Amino acid sequence: MKRPWGKWTKLWGDERVEVRLLEVKAGGFCTLHRHANMSNVFYVLEGSLRVDSYHAWPDDRRSSVTFEILEEQDVAVVSPPTVHRFQAISKVVALEFNIAVGSEPVDPLDSEQLGPAGLDNE
């Protein structure tokens, strides 16, 4: 599926887990969002990916942000309901595992979004 930041391809999935191949352009970033019932796990195959995690919505004065820079073979886990986004520092190829939390199956629409996705070099 094409996105402003690149594209993703579903590799495999069942009710509990969906595996996607992410191909992210250098400077590409996904929308700031959170999931109610799904964890994201990012595994970098090539490139350098920044994963930002907010402890409240970014416009909340009590919000704080942490970030991880992932290189080849690094992993980041984002648990619900953490507000998060990724951004490619260089061209990235990564696996994204969407994992159901609780009794509900993986729902691709389980995403509350704030702001656009895109490329920071546009």
PDB file of N, CA and C in Angstrom:
ATOM      1  N   MET A   1       0.842  -1.165   0.000  1.00  0.00           N
ATOM      2  CA  MET A   1       0.000   0.000   0.000  1.00  0.00           C
ATOM      3  C   MET A   1       0.894   1.236   0.000  1.00  0.00           C
ATOM      4  N   LYS A   2       0.705   2.102  -0.969  1.00  0.00           N
ATOM      5  CA  LYS A   2       1.514   3.309  -1.072  1.00  0.00           C
ATOM      6  C   LYS A   2       1.092   4.327  -0.023  1.00  0.00           C
ATOM      7  N   ARG A   3       2.089   5.014   0.505  1.00  0.00           N
ATOM      8  CA  ARG A   3       1.908   6.070   1.488  1.00  0.00           C
ATOM      9  C   ARG A   3       2.826   7.230   1.091  1.00  0.00           C
ATOM     10  N   PRO A   4       2.597   8.441   1.628  1.00  0.00           N
ATOM     11  CA  PRO A   4       3.487   9.558   1.299  1.00  0.00           C
ATOM     12  C   PRO A   4       4.947   9.282   1.662  1.00  0.00           C
ATOM     13  N   TRP A   5       5.179   8.461   2.678  1.00  0.00           N
ATOM     14  CA  TRP A   5       6.530   8.154   3.149  1.00  0.00           C
ATOM     15  C   TRP A   5       7.180   6.978   2.428  1.00  0.00           C
ATOM     16  N   GLY A   6       6.420   6.242   1.634  1.00  0.00           N
ATOM     17  CA  GLY A   6       6.939   5.045   0.964  1.00  0.00           C
ATOM     18  C   GLY A   6       5.813   4.066   0.723  1.00  0.00           C
ATOM     19  N   LYS A   7       6.010   2.805   1.139  1.00  0.00           N
ATOM     20  CA  LYS A   7       4.937   1.818   0.981  1.00  0.00           C
ATOM     21  C   LYS A   7       5.110   0.691   1.984  1.00  0.00           C
ATOM     22  N   TRP A   8       4.008  -0.042   2.201  1.00  0.00           N
ATOM     23  CA  TRP A   8       4.054  -1.257   3.007  1.00  0.00           C
ATOM     24  C   TRP A   8       3.348  -2.376   2.254  1.00  0.00           C
ATOM     25  N   THR A   9       3.809  -3.589   2.525  1.00  0.00           N
ATOM     26  CA  THR A   9       3.243  -4.785   1.911  1.00  0.00           C
ATOM     27  C   THR A   9       2.945  -5.792   3.011  1.00  0.00           C
ATOM     28  N   LYS A  10       1.716  -6.301   3.042  1.00  0.00           N
ATOM     29  CA  LYS A  10       1.380  -7.337   4.021  1.00  0.00           C
ATOM     30  C   LYS A  10       2.033  -8.639   3.592  1.00  0.00           C
ATOM     31  N   LEU A  11       2.841  -9.210   4.486  1.00  0.00           N
ATOM     32  CA  LEU A  11       3.529 -10.473   4.209  1.00  0.00           C
ATOM     33  C   LEU A  11       2.760 -11.676   4.743  1.00  0.00           C
ATOM     34  N   TRP A  12       2.114 -11.478   5.894  1.00  0.00           N
ATOM     35  CA  TRP A  12       1.422 -12.584   6.551  1.00  0.00           C
ATOM     36  C   TRP A  12       0.515 -12.027   7.628  1.00  0.00           C
ATOM     37  N   GLY A  13      -0.526 -12.753   7.959  1.00  0.00           N
ATOM     38  CA  GLY A  13      -1.368 -12.334   9.061  1.00  0.00           C
ATOM     39  C   GLY A  13      -2.396 -13.367   9.444  1.00  0.00           C
ATOM     40  N   ASP A  14      -2.798 -13.308  10.698  1.00  0.00           N
ATOM     41  CA  ASP A  14      -3.924 -14.080  11.201  1.00  0.00           C
ATOM     42  C   ASP A  14      -4.686 -13.160  12.160  1.00  0.00           C
ATOM     43  N   GLU A  15      -5.529 -13.703  13.019  1.00  0.00           N
ATOM     44  CA  GLU A  15      -6.319 -12.859  13.914  1.00  0.00           C
ATOM     45  C   GLU A  15      -5.487 -12.120  14.955  1.00  0.00           C
ATOM     46  N   ARG A  16      -4.310 -12.634  15.293  1.00  0.00           N
ATOM     47  CA  ARG A  16      -3.518 -12.076  16.394  1.00  0.00           C
ATOM     48  C   ARG A  16      -2.314 -11.246  15.945  1.00  0.00           C
ATOM     49  N   VAL A  17      -1.789 -11.536  14.748  1.00  0.00           N
ATOM     50  CA  VAL A  17      -0.549 -10.886  14.297  1.00  0.00           C
ATOM     51  C   VAL A  17      -0.649 -10.589  12.808  1.00  0.00           C
ATOM     52  N   GLU A  18      -0.149  -9.415  12.430  1.00  0.00           N
ATOM     53  CA  GLU A  18       0.006  -9.069  11.016  1.00  0.00           C
ATOM     54  C   GLU A  18       1.453  -8.644  10.818  1.00  0.00           C
ATOM     55  N   VAL A  19       2.100  -9.132   9.761  1.00  0.00           N
ATOM     56  CA  VAL A  19       3.486  -8.794   9.462  1.00  0.00           C
ATOM     57  C   VAL A  19       3.516  -8.009   8.151  1.00  0.00           C
ATOM     58  N   ARG A  20       4.156  -6.840   8.205  1.00  0.00           N
ATOM     59  CA  ARG A  20       4.271  -5.986   7.031  1.00  0.00           C
ATOM     60  C   ARG A  20       5.736  -5.701   6.721  1.00  0.00           C
ATOM     61  N   LEU A  21       6.038  -5.568   5.442  1.00  0.00           N
ATOM     62  CA  LEU A  21       7.336  -5.084   5.000  1.00  0.00           C
ATOM     63  C   LEU A  21       7.177  -3.595   4.736  1.00  0.00           C
ATOM     64  N   LEU A  22       7.959  -2.783   5.435  1.00  0.00           N
ATOM     65  CA  LEU A  22       7.941  -1.339   5.244  1.00  0.00           C
ATOM     66  C   LEU A  22       9.125  -0.931   4.382  1.00  0.00           C
ATOM     67  N   GLU A  23       8.870  -0.097   3.398  1.00  0.00           N
ATOM     68  CA  GLU A  23       9.925   0.506   2.584  1.00  0.00           C
ATOM     69  C   GLU A  23       9.720   2.008   2.693  1.00  0.00           C
ATOM     70  N   VAL A  24      10.622   2.654   3.455  1.00  0.00           N
ATOM     71  CA  VAL A  24      10.447   4.057   3.809  1.00  0.00           C
ATOM     72  C   VAL A  24      11.533   4.891   3.141  1.00  0.00           C
ATOM     73  N   LYS A  25      11.093   5.937   2.441  1.00  0.00           N
ATOM     74  CA  LYS A  25      12.030   6.853   1.791  1.00  0.00           C
ATOM     75  C   LYS A  25      12.802   7.636   2.852  1.00  0.00           C
ATOM     76  N   ALA A  26      14.036   8.022   2.542  1.00  0.00           N
ATOM     77  CA  ALA A  26      14.807   8.862   3.458  1.00  0.00           C
ATOM     78  C   ALA A  26      14.001  10.119   3.769  1.00  0.00           C
ATOM     79  N   GLY A  27      13.841  10.432   5.047  1.00  0.00           N
ATOM     80  CA  GLY A  27      13.053  11.577   5.466  1.00  0.00           C
ATOM     81  C   GLY A  27      11.564  11.296   5.600  1.00  0.00           C
ATOM     82  N   GLY A  28      11.129  10.103   5.212  1.00  0.00           N
ATOM     83  CA  GLY A  28       9.715   9.757   5.291  1.00  0.00           C
ATOM     84  C   GLY A  28       9.272   9.515   6.726  1.00  0.00           C
ATOM     85  N   PHE A  29       8.058   9.952   7.043  1.00  0.00           N
ATOM     86  CA  PHE A  29       7.529   9.733   8.389  1.00  0.00           C
ATOM     87  C   PHE A  29       6.050   9.393   8.313  1.00  0.00           C
ATOM     88  N   CYS A  30       5.626   8.529   9.223  1.00  0.00           N
ATOM     89  CA  CYS A  30       4.200   8.186   9.317  1.00  0.00           C
ATOM     90  C   CYS A  30       3.498   9.212  10.184  1.00  0.00           C
ATOM     91  N   THR A  31       2.189   9.184  10.152  1.00  0.00           N
ATOM     92  CA  THR A  31       1.402  10.084  10.981  1.00  0.00           C
ATOM     93  C   THR A  31       1.607   9.775  12.456  1.00  0.00           C
ATOM     94  N   LEU A  32       1.498  10.795  13.281  1.00  0.00           N
ATOM     95  CA  LEU A  32       1.525  10.607  14.722  1.00  0.00           C
ATOM     96  C   LEU A  32       0.209   9.937  15.097  1.00  0.00           C
ATOM     97  N   HIS A  33       0.283   8.823  15.822  1.00  0.00           N
ATOM     98  CA  HIS A  33      -0.936   8.052  16.089  1.00  0.00           C
ATOM     99  C   HIS A  33      -0.758   7.158  17.313  1.00  0.00           C
ATOM    100  N   ARG A  34      -1.867   6.528  17.693  1.00  0.00           N
ATOM    101  CA  ARG A  34      -1.820   5.524  18.757  1.00  0.00           C
ATOM    102  C   ARG A  34      -2.859   4.452  18.459  1.00  0.00           C
ATOM    103  N   HIS A  35      -2.666   3.301  19.082  1.00  0.00           N
ATOM    104  CA  HIS A  35      -3.578   2.167  18.938  1.00  0.00           C
ATOM    105  C   HIS A  35      -4.162   1.826  20.305  1.00  0.00           C
ATOM    106  N   ALA A  36      -5.419   1.445  20.325  1.00  0.00           N
ATOM    107  CA  ALA A  36      -6.067   1.064  21.575  1.00  0.00           C
ATOM    108  C   ALA A  36      -5.767  -0.379  21.963  1.00  0.00           C
ATOM    109  N   ASN A  37      -5.707  -1.269  20.952  1.00  0.00           N
ATOM    110  CA  ASN A  37      -5.617  -2.709  21.238  1.00  0.00           C
ATOM    111  C   ASN A  37      -4.547  -3.419  20.410  1.00  0.00           C
ATOM    112  N   MET A  38      -3.488  -2.687  20.060  1.00  0.00           N
ATOM    113  CA  MET A  38      -2.477  -3.292  19.200  1.00  0.00           C
ATOM    114  C   MET A  38      -1.101  -2.734  19.541  1.00  0.00           C
ATOM    115  N   SER A  39      -0.121  -3.621  19.659  1.00  0.00           N
ATOM    116  CA  SER A  39       1.277  -3.226  19.804  1.00  0.00           C
ATOM    117  C   SER A  39       1.935  -3.237  18.432  1.00  0.00           C
ATOM    118  N   ASN A  40       2.924  -2.366  18.244  1.00  0.00           N
ATOM    119  CA  ASN A  40       3.759  -2.380  17.042  1.00  0.00           C
ATOM    120  C   ASN A  40       5.160  -2.793  17.439  1.00  0.00           C
ATOM    121  N   VAL A  41       5.748  -3.666  16.648  1.00  0.00           N
ATOM    122  CA  VAL A  41       7.151  -4.026  16.810  1.00  0.00           C
ATOM    123  C   VAL A  41       7.830  -3.720  15.480  1.00  0.00           C
ATOM    124  N   PHE A  42       8.902  -2.940  15.526  1.00  0.00           N
ATOM    125  CA  PHE A  42       9.660  -2.583  14.331  1.00  0.00           C
ATOM    126  C   PHE A  42      11.007  -3.292  14.379  1.00  0.00           C
ATOM    127  N   TYR A  43      11.366  -3.957  13.277  1.00  0.00           N
ATOM    128  CA  TYR A  43      12.648  -4.646  13.150  1.00  0.00           C
ATOM    129  C   TYR A  43      13.301  -4.136  11.867  1.00  0.00           C
ATOM    130  N   VAL A  44      14.432  -3.450  11.998  1.00  0.00           N
ATOM    131  CA  VAL A  44      15.077  -2.824  10.847  1.00  0.00           C
ATOM    132  C   VAL A  44      15.978  -3.827  10.133  1.00  0.00           C
ATOM    133  N   LEU A  45      15.741  -3.987   8.832  1.00  0.00           N
ATOM    134  CA  LEU A  45      16.571  -4.837   7.985  1.00  0.00           C
ATOM    135  C   LEU A  45      17.692  -4.036   7.328  1.00  0.00           C
ATOM    136  N   GLU A  46      17.371  -2.813   6.897  1.00  0.00           N
ATOM    137  CA  GLU A  46      18.349  -1.920   6.255  1.00  0.00           C
ATOM    138  C   GLU A  46      18.018  -0.491   6.628  1.00  0.00           C
ATOM    139  N   GLY A  47      19.060   0.329   6.807  1.00  0.00           N
ATOM    140  CA  GLY A  47      18.859   1.755   7.029  1.00  0.00           C
ATOM    141  C   GLY A  47      18.801   2.127   8.495  1.00  0.00           C
ATOM    142  N   SER A  48      18.308   3.362   8.724  1.00  0.00           N
ATOM    143  CA  SER A  48      18.264   3.925  10.067  1.00  0.00           C
ATOM    144  C   SER A  48      16.888   4.561  10.285  1.00  0.00           C
ATOM    145  N   LEU A  49      16.182   4.105  11.325  1.00  0.00           N
ATOM    146  CA  LEU A  49      14.807   4.509  11.596  1.00  0.00           C
ATOM    147  C   LEU A  49      14.699   5.082  13.003  1.00  0.00           C
ATOM    148  N   ARG A  50      14.086   6.260  13.102  1.00  0.00           N
ATOM    149  CA  ARG A  50      13.824   6.871  14.413  1.00  0.00           C
ATOM    150  C   ARG A  50      12.377   6.557  14.793  1.00  0.00           C
ATOM    151  N   VAL A  51      12.164   6.085  16.018  1.00  0.00           N
ATOM    152  CA  VAL A  51      10.825   5.828  16.539  1.00  0.00           C
ATOM    153  C   VAL A  51      10.612   6.742  17.740  1.00  0.00           C
ATOM    154  N   ASP A  52       9.645   7.665  17.615  1.00  0.00           N
ATOM    155  CA  ASP A  52       9.298   8.590  18.692  1.00  0.00           C
ATOM    156  C   ASP A  52       8.101   8.051  19.458  1.00  0.00           C
ATOM    157  N   SER A  53       8.161   8.108  20.777  1.00  0.00           N
ATOM    158  CA  SER A  53       7.055   7.682  21.642  1.00  0.00           C
ATOM    159  C   SER A  53       6.728   8.818  22.595  1.00  0.00           C
ATOM    160  N   TYR A  54       5.454   9.232  22.619  1.00  0.00           N
ATOM    161  CA  TYR A  54       4.987  10.314  23.483  1.00  0.00           C
ATOM    162  C   TYR A  54       4.179   9.711  24.628  1.00  0.00           C
ATOM    163  N   HIS A  55       4.274  10.341  25.769  1.00  0.00           N
ATOM    164  CA  HIS A  55       3.568   9.844  26.941  1.00  0.00           C
ATOM    165  C   HIS A  55       2.243  10.573  27.161  1.00  0.00           C
ATOM    166  N   ALA A  56       1.868  11.412  26.198  1.00  0.00           N
ATOM    167  CA  ALA A  56       0.559  12.071  26.097  1.00  0.00           C
ATOM    168  C   ALA A  56       0.529  12.667  24.698  1.00  0.00           C
ATOM    169  N   TRP A  57      -0.588  13.254  24.299  1.00  0.00           N
ATOM    170  CA  TRP A  57      -0.597  13.928  22.994  1.00  0.00           C
ATOM    171  C   TRP A  57       0.458  15.021  23.000  1.00  0.00           C
ATOM    172  N   PRO A  58       1.170  15.236  21.898  1.00  0.00           N
ATOM    173  CA  PRO A  58       2.268  16.216  21.863  1.00  0.00           C
ATOM    174  C   PRO A  58       1.865  17.645  22.223  1.00  0.00           C
ATOM    175  N   ASP A  59       0.599  18.029  22.043  1.00  0.00           N
ATOM    176  CA  ASP A  59       0.191  19.386  22.398  1.00  0.00           C
ATOM    177  C   ASP A  59      -0.189  19.514  23.872  1.00  0.00           C
ATOM    178  N   ASP A  60      -0.111  18.441  24.617  1.00  0.00           N
ATOM    179  CA  ASP A  60      -0.386  18.450  26.051  1.00  0.00           C
ATOM    180  C   ASP A  60       0.890  18.910  26.769  1.00  0.00           C
ATOM    181  N   ARG A  61       0.784  19.886  27.641  1.00  0.00           N
ATOM    182  CA  ARG A  61       1.964  20.407  28.345  1.00  0.00           C
ATOM    183  C   ARG A  61       2.655  19.350  29.195  1.00  0.00           C
ATOM    184  N   ARG A  62       1.919  18.325  29.576  1.00  0.00           N
ATOM    185  CA  ARG A  62       2.504  17.264  30.408  1.00  0.00           C
ATOM    186  C   ARG A  62       3.184  16.193  29.572  1.00  0.00           C
ATOM    187  N   SER A  63       3.145  16.347  28.264  1.00  0.00           N
ATOM    188  CA  SER A  63       3.705  15.343  27.360  1.00  0.00           C
ATOM    189  C   SER A  63       5.230  15.316  27.446  1.00  0.00           C
ATOM    190  N   SER A  64       5.774  14.140  27.334  1.00  0.00           N
ATOM    191  CA  SER A  64       7.223  13.988  27.189  1.00  0.00           C
ATOM    192  C   SER A  64       7.459  12.999  26.052  1.00  0.00           C
ATOM    193  N   VAL A  65       8.592  13.124  25.411  1.00  0.00           N
ATOM    194  CA  VAL A  65       8.886  12.262  24.272  1.00  0.00           C
ATOM    195  C   VAL A  65      10.200  11.535  24.508  1.00  0.00           C
ATOM    196  N   THR A  66      10.230  10.286  24.100  1.00  0.00           N
ATOM    197  CA  THR A  66      11.473   9.536  24.050  1.00  0.00           C
ATOM    198  C   THR A  66      11.630   9.051  22.618  1.00  0.00           C
ATOM    199  N   PHE A  67      12.839   8.833  22.210  1.00  0.00           N
ATOM    200  CA  PHE A  67      13.033   8.311  20.867  1.00  0.00           C
ATOM    201  C   PHE A  67      14.162   7.296  20.856  1.00  0.00           C
ATOM    202  N   GLU A  68      14.049   6.405  19.893  1.00  0.00           N
ATOM    203  CA  GLU A  68      15.072   5.389  19.675  1.00  0.00           C
ATOM    204  C   GLU A  68      15.531   5.487  18.229  1.00  0.00           C
ATOM    205  N   ILE A  69      16.813   5.368  18.014  1.00  0.00           N
ATOM    206  CA  ILE A  69      17.355   5.271  16.665  1.00  0.00           C
ATOM    207  C   ILE A  69      17.670   3.798  16.426  1.00  0.00           C
ATOM    208  N   LEU A  70      16.993   3.215  15.447  1.00  0.00           N
ATOM    209  CA  LEU A  70      17.183   1.801  15.134  1.00  0.00           C
ATOM    210  C   LEU A  70      18.061   1.665  13.903  1.00  0.00           C
ATOM    211  N   GLU A  71      19.047   0.821  14.008  1.00  0.00           N
ATOM    212  CA  GLU A  71      19.920   0.471  12.887  1.00  0.00           C
ATOM    213  C   GLU A  71      19.626  -0.980  12.505  1.00  0.00           C
ATOM    214  N   GLU A  72      20.345  -1.497  11.546  1.00  0.00           N
ATOM    215  CA  GLU A  72      20.137  -2.871  11.078  1.00  0.00           C
ATOM    216  C   GLU A  72      20.118  -3.855  12.250  1.00  0.00           C
ATOM    217  N   GLN A  73      19.080  -4.682  12.304  1.00  0.00           N
ATOM    218  CA  GLN A  73      18.824  -5.724  13.289  1.00  0.00           C
ATOM    219  C   GLN A  73      18.366  -5.203  14.656  1.00  0.00           C
ATOM    220  N   ASP A  74      18.096  -3.902  14.762  1.00  0.00           N
ATOM    221  CA  ASP A  74      17.553  -3.353  16.010  1.00  0.00           C
ATOM    222  C   ASP A  74      16.028  -3.495  16.026  1.00  0.00           C
ATOM    223  N   VAL A  75      15.469  -3.530  17.241  1.00  0.00           N
ATOM    224  CA  VAL A  75      14.033  -3.720  17.448  1.00  0.00           C
ATOM    225  C   VAL A  75      13.508  -2.639  18.393  1.00  0.00           C
ATOM    226  N   ALA A  76      12.305  -2.142  18.097  1.00  0.00           N
ATOM    227  CA  ALA A  76      11.587  -1.257  19.025  1.00  0.00           C
ATOM    228  C   ALA A  76      10.176  -1.799  19.197  1.00  0.00           C
ATOM    229  N   VAL A  77       9.673  -1.736  20.425  1.00  0.00           N
ATOM    230  CA  VAL A  77       8.314  -2.177  20.744  1.00  0.00           C
ATOM    231  C   VAL A  77       7.530  -0.972  21.238  1.00  0.00           C
ATOM    232  N   VAL A  78       6.353  -0.749  20.652  1.00  0.00           N
ATOM    233  CA  VAL A  78       5.464   0.337  21.073  1.00  0.00           C
ATOM    234  C   VAL A  78       4.152  -0.304  21.526  1.00  0.00           C
ATOM    235  N   SER A  79       3.866  -0.175  22.810  1.00  0.00           N
ATOM    236  CA  SER A  79       2.657  -0.769  23.400  1.00  0.00           C
ATOM    237  C   SER A  79       1.522   0.248  23.417  1.00  0.00           C
ATOM    238  N   PRO A  80       0.268  -0.236  23.330  1.00  0.00           N
ATOM    239  CA  PRO A  80      -0.856   0.689  23.402  1.00  0.00           C
ATOM    240  C   PRO A  80      -0.998   1.232  24.819  1.00  0.00           C
ATOM    241  N   PRO A  81      -1.481   2.416  24.979  1.00  0.00           N
ATOM    242  CA  PRO A  81      -1.941   3.375  23.969  1.00  0.00           C
ATOM    243  C   PRO A  81      -0.897   4.448  23.662  1.00  0.00           C
ATOM    244  N   THR A  82       0.377   4.102  23.627  1.00  0.00           N
ATOM    245  CA  THR A  82       1.447   5.068  23.411  1.00  0.00           C
ATOM    246  C   THR A  82       1.289   5.789  22.066  1.00  0.00           C
ATOM    247  N   VAL A  83       1.333   7.100  22.097  1.00  0.00           N
ATOM    248  CA  VAL A  83       1.336   7.914  20.879  1.00  0.00           C
ATOM    249  C   VAL A  83       2.728   7.805  20.273  1.00  0.00           C
ATOM    250  N   HIS A  84       2.800   7.536  18.971  1.00  0.00           N
ATOM    251  CA  HIS A  84       4.104   7.292  18.359  1.00  0.00           C
ATOM    252  C   HIS A  84       4.111   7.615  16.868  1.00  0.00           C
ATOM    253  N   ARG A  85       5.324   7.640  16.318  1.00  0.00           N
ATOM    254  CA  ARG A  85       5.530   7.749  14.876  1.00  0.00           C
ATOM    255  C   ARG A  85       6.937   7.276  14.559  1.00  0.00           C
ATOM    256  N   PHE A  86       7.155   6.929  13.294  1.00  0.00           N
ATOM    257  CA  PHE A  86       8.517   6.623  12.858  1.00  0.00           C
ATOM    258  C   PHE A  86       8.930   7.610  11.784  1.00  0.00           C
ATOM    259  N   GLN A  87      10.259   7.796  11.654  1.00  0.00           N
ATOM    260  CA  GLN A  87      10.821   8.613  10.594  1.00  0.00           C
ATOM    261  C   GLN A  87      12.124   7.980  10.146  1.00  0.00           C
ATOM    262  N   ALA A  88      12.298   7.901   8.826  1.00  0.00           N
ATOM    263  CA  ALA A  88      13.503   7.311   8.259  1.00  0.00           C
ATOM    264  C   ALA A  88      14.618   8.354   8.204  1.00  0.00           C
ATOM    265  N   ILE A  89      15.727   8.047   8.824  1.00  0.00           N
ATOM    266  CA  ILE A  89      16.909   8.909   8.754  1.00  0.00           C
ATOM    267  C   ILE A  89      17.601   8.692   7.412  1.00  0.00           C
ATOM    268  N   SER A  90      17.582   7.459   6.950  1.00  0.00           N
ATOM    269  CA  SER A  90      18.048   7.092   5.617  1.00  0.00           C
ATOM    270  C   SER A  90      16.969   6.188   5.021  1.00  0.00           C
ATOM    271  N   LYS A  91      17.131   5.771   3.790  1.00  0.00           N
ATOM    272  CA  LYS A  91      16.176   4.815   3.217  1.00  0.00           C
ATOM    273  C   LYS A  91      16.132   3.592   4.126  1.00  0.00           C
ATOM    274  N   VAL A  92      14.913   3.122   4.424  1.00  0.00           N
ATOM    275  CA  VAL A  92      14.739   2.024   5.384  1.00  0.00           C
ATOM    276  C   VAL A  92      13.921   0.893   4.777  1.00  0.00           C
ATOM    277  N   VAL A  93      14.351  -0.319   5.072  1.00  0.00           N
ATOM    278  CA  VAL A  93      13.545  -1.516   4.853  1.00  0.00           C
ATOM    279  C   VAL A  93      13.407  -2.159   6.230  1.00  0.00           C
ATOM    280  N   ALA A  94      12.170  -2.386   6.657  1.00  0.00           N
ATOM    281  CA  ALA A  94      11.928  -2.901   8.009  1.00  0.00           C
ATOM    282  C   ALA A  94      10.718  -3.824   8.004  1.00  0.00           C
ATOM    283  N   LEU A  95      10.640  -4.650   9.025  1.00  0.00           N
ATOM    284  CA  LEU A  95       9.442  -5.437   9.282  1.00  0.00           C
ATOM    285  C   LEU A  95       8.667  -4.749  10.393  1.00  0.00           C
ATOM    286  N   GLU A  96       7.345  -4.692  10.223  1.00  0.00           N
ATOM    287  CA  GLU A  96       6.460  -4.191  11.269  1.00  0.00           C
ATOM    288  C   GLU A  96       5.527  -5.331  11.654  1.00  0.00           C
ATOM    289  N   PHE A  97       5.505  -5.655  12.937  1.00  0.00           N
ATOM    290  CA  PHE A  97       4.609  -6.677  13.469  1.00  0.00           C
ATOM    291  C   PHE A  97       3.509  -5.952  14.233  1.00  0.00           C
ATOM    292  N   ASN A  98       2.270  -6.101  13.789  1.00  0.00           N
ATOM    293  CA  ASN A  98       1.112  -5.568  14.503  1.00  0.00           C
ATOM    294  C   ASN A  98       0.527  -6.720  15.303  1.00  0.00           C
ATOM    295  N   ILE A  99       0.538  -6.582  16.620  1.00  0.00           N
ATOM    296  CA  ILE A  99       0.187  -7.685  17.508  1.00  0.00           C
ATOM    297  C   ILE A  99      -1.017  -7.293  18.357  1.00  0.00           C
ATOM    298  N   ALA A 100      -2.053  -8.111  18.306  1.00  0.00           N
ATOM    299  CA  ALA A 100      -3.262  -7.845  19.088  1.00  0.00           C
ATOM    300  C   ALA A 100      -2.962  -7.940  20.577  1.00  0.00           C
ATOM    301  N   VAL A 101      -3.556  -7.030  21.335  1.00  0.00           N
ATOM    302  CA  VAL A 101      -3.438  -7.020  22.789  1.00  0.00           C
ATOM    303  C   VAL A 101      -4.835  -7.253  23.344  1.00  0.00           C
ATOM    304  N   GLY A 102      -4.960  -8.139  24.294  1.00  0.00           N
ATOM    305  CA  GLY A 102      -6.273  -8.461  24.827  1.00  0.00           C
ATOM    306  C   GLY A 102      -6.958  -9.513  23.984  1.00  0.00           C
ATOM    307  N   SER A 103      -8.275  -9.533  24.033  1.00  0.00           N
ATOM    308  CA  SER A 103      -9.022 -10.602  23.368  1.00  0.00           C
ATOM    309  C   SER A 103      -9.445 -10.260  21.941  1.00  0.00           C
ATOM    310  N   GLU A 104      -9.305  -9.004  21.535  1.00  0.00           N
ATOM    311  CA  GLU A 104      -9.726  -8.594  20.197  1.00  0.00           C
ATOM    312  C   GLU A 104      -8.685  -8.986  19.149  1.00  0.00           C
ATOM    313  N   PRO A 105      -9.125  -9.293  17.919  1.00  0.00           N
ATOM    314  CA  PRO A 105      -8.166  -9.569  16.839  1.00  0.00           C
ATOM    315  C   PRO A 105      -7.481  -8.287  16.370  1.00  0.00           C
ATOM    316  N   VAL A 106      -6.415  -8.426  15.602  1.00  0.00           N
ATOM    317  CA  VAL A 106      -5.746  -7.280  15.000  1.00  0.00           C
ATOM    318  C   VAL A 106      -6.760  -6.547  14.130  1.00  0.00           C
ATOM    319  N   ASP A 107      -6.838  -5.242  14.321  1.00  0.00           N
ATOM    320  CA  ASP A 107      -7.755  -4.404  13.549  1.00  0.00           C
ATOM    321  C   ASP A 107      -6.941  -3.327  12.847  1.00  0.00           C
ATOM    322  N   PRO A 108      -6.827  -3.371  11.509  1.00  0.00           N
ATOM    323  CA  PRO A 108      -6.032  -2.369  10.797  1.00  0.00           C
ATOM    324  C   PRO A 108      -6.571  -0.944  10.966  1.00  0.00           C
ATOM    325  N   LEU A 109      -7.818  -0.811  11.416  1.00  0.00           N
ATOM    326  CA  LEU A 109      -8.398   0.515  11.633  1.00  0.00           C
ATOM    327  C   LEU A 109      -8.220   1.008  13.068  1.00  0.00           C
ATOM    328  N   ASP A 110      -7.537   0.228  13.904  1.00  0.00           N
ATOM    329  CA  ASP A 110      -7.274   0.611  15.292  1.00  0.00           C
ATOM    330  C   ASP A 110      -6.160   1.657  15.324  1.00  0.00           C
ATOM    331  N   SER A 111      -6.498   2.891  14.946  1.00  0.00           N
ATOM    332  CA  SER A 111      -5.511   3.956  14.899  1.00  0.00           C
ATOM    333  C   SER A 111      -6.201   5.304  15.076  1.00  0.00           C
ATOM    334  N   GLU A 112      -5.824   6.017  16.116  1.00  0.00           N
ATOM    335  CA  GLU A 112      -6.284   7.388  16.324  1.00  0.00           C
ATOM    336  C   GLU A 112      -5.146   8.291  15.872  1.00  0.00           C
ATOM    337  N   GLN A 113      -5.402   9.123  14.867  1.00  0.00           N
ATOM    338  CA  GLN A 113      -4.326   9.874  14.223  1.00  0.00           C
ATOM    339  C   GLN A 113      -4.374  11.359  14.526  1.00  0.00           C
ATOM    340  N   LEU A 114      -3.179  11.968  14.524  1.00  0.00           N
ATOM    341  CA  LEU A 114      -3.012  13.393  14.733  1.00  0.00           C
ATOM    342  C   LEU A 114      -1.955  13.878  13.753  1.00  0.00           C
ATOM    343  N   GLY A 115      -2.363  14.568  12.718  1.00  0.00           N
ATOM    344  CA  GLY A 115      -1.420  15.128  11.767  1.00  0.00           C
ATOM    345  C   GLY A 115      -1.127  14.212  10.606  1.00  0.00           C
ATOM    346  N   PRO A 116      -0.466  14.754   9.601  1.00  0.00           N
ATOM    347  CA  PRO A 116      -0.222  14.033   8.356  1.00  0.00           C
ATOM    348  C   PRO A 116       1.038  13.178   8.387  1.00  0.00           C
ATOM    349  N   ALA A 117       1.152  12.316   7.394  1.00  0.00           N
ATOM    350  CA  ALA A 117       2.385  11.592   7.091  1.00  0.00           C
ATOM    351  C   ALA A 117       3.054  12.333   5.941  1.00  0.00           C
ATOM    352  N   GLY A 118       4.330  12.067   5.695  1.00  0.00           N
ATOM    353  CA  GLY A 118       4.977  12.742   4.575  1.00  0.00           C
ATOM    354  C   GLY A 118       6.472  12.545   4.522  1.00  0.00           C
ATOM    355  N   LEU A 119       7.131  13.495   3.891  1.00  0.00           N
ATOM    356  CA  LEU A 119       8.581  13.536   3.763  1.00  0.00           C
ATOM    357  C   LEU A 119       9.071  14.861   4.312  1.00  0.00           C
ATOM    358  N   ASP A 120      10.089  14.862   5.173  1.00  0.00           N
ATOM    359  CA  ASP A 120      10.548  16.135   5.735  1.00  0.00           C
ATOM    360  C   ASP A 120      11.430  16.910   4.768  1.00  0.00           C
ATOM    361  N   ASN A 121      11.768  16.345   3.625  1.00  0.00           N
ATOM    362  CA  ASN A 121      12.594  17.066   2.644  1.00  0.00           C
ATOM    363  C   ASN A 121      11.752  17.643   1.513  1.00  0.00           C
ATOM    364  N   GLU A 122      10.421  17.657   1.656  1.00  0.00           N
ATOM    365  CA  GLU A 122       9.548  18.245   0.621  1.00  0.00           C
ATOM    366  C   GLU A 122       9.364  19.716   0.886  1.00  0.00           C
TER     367      GLU A 122
END
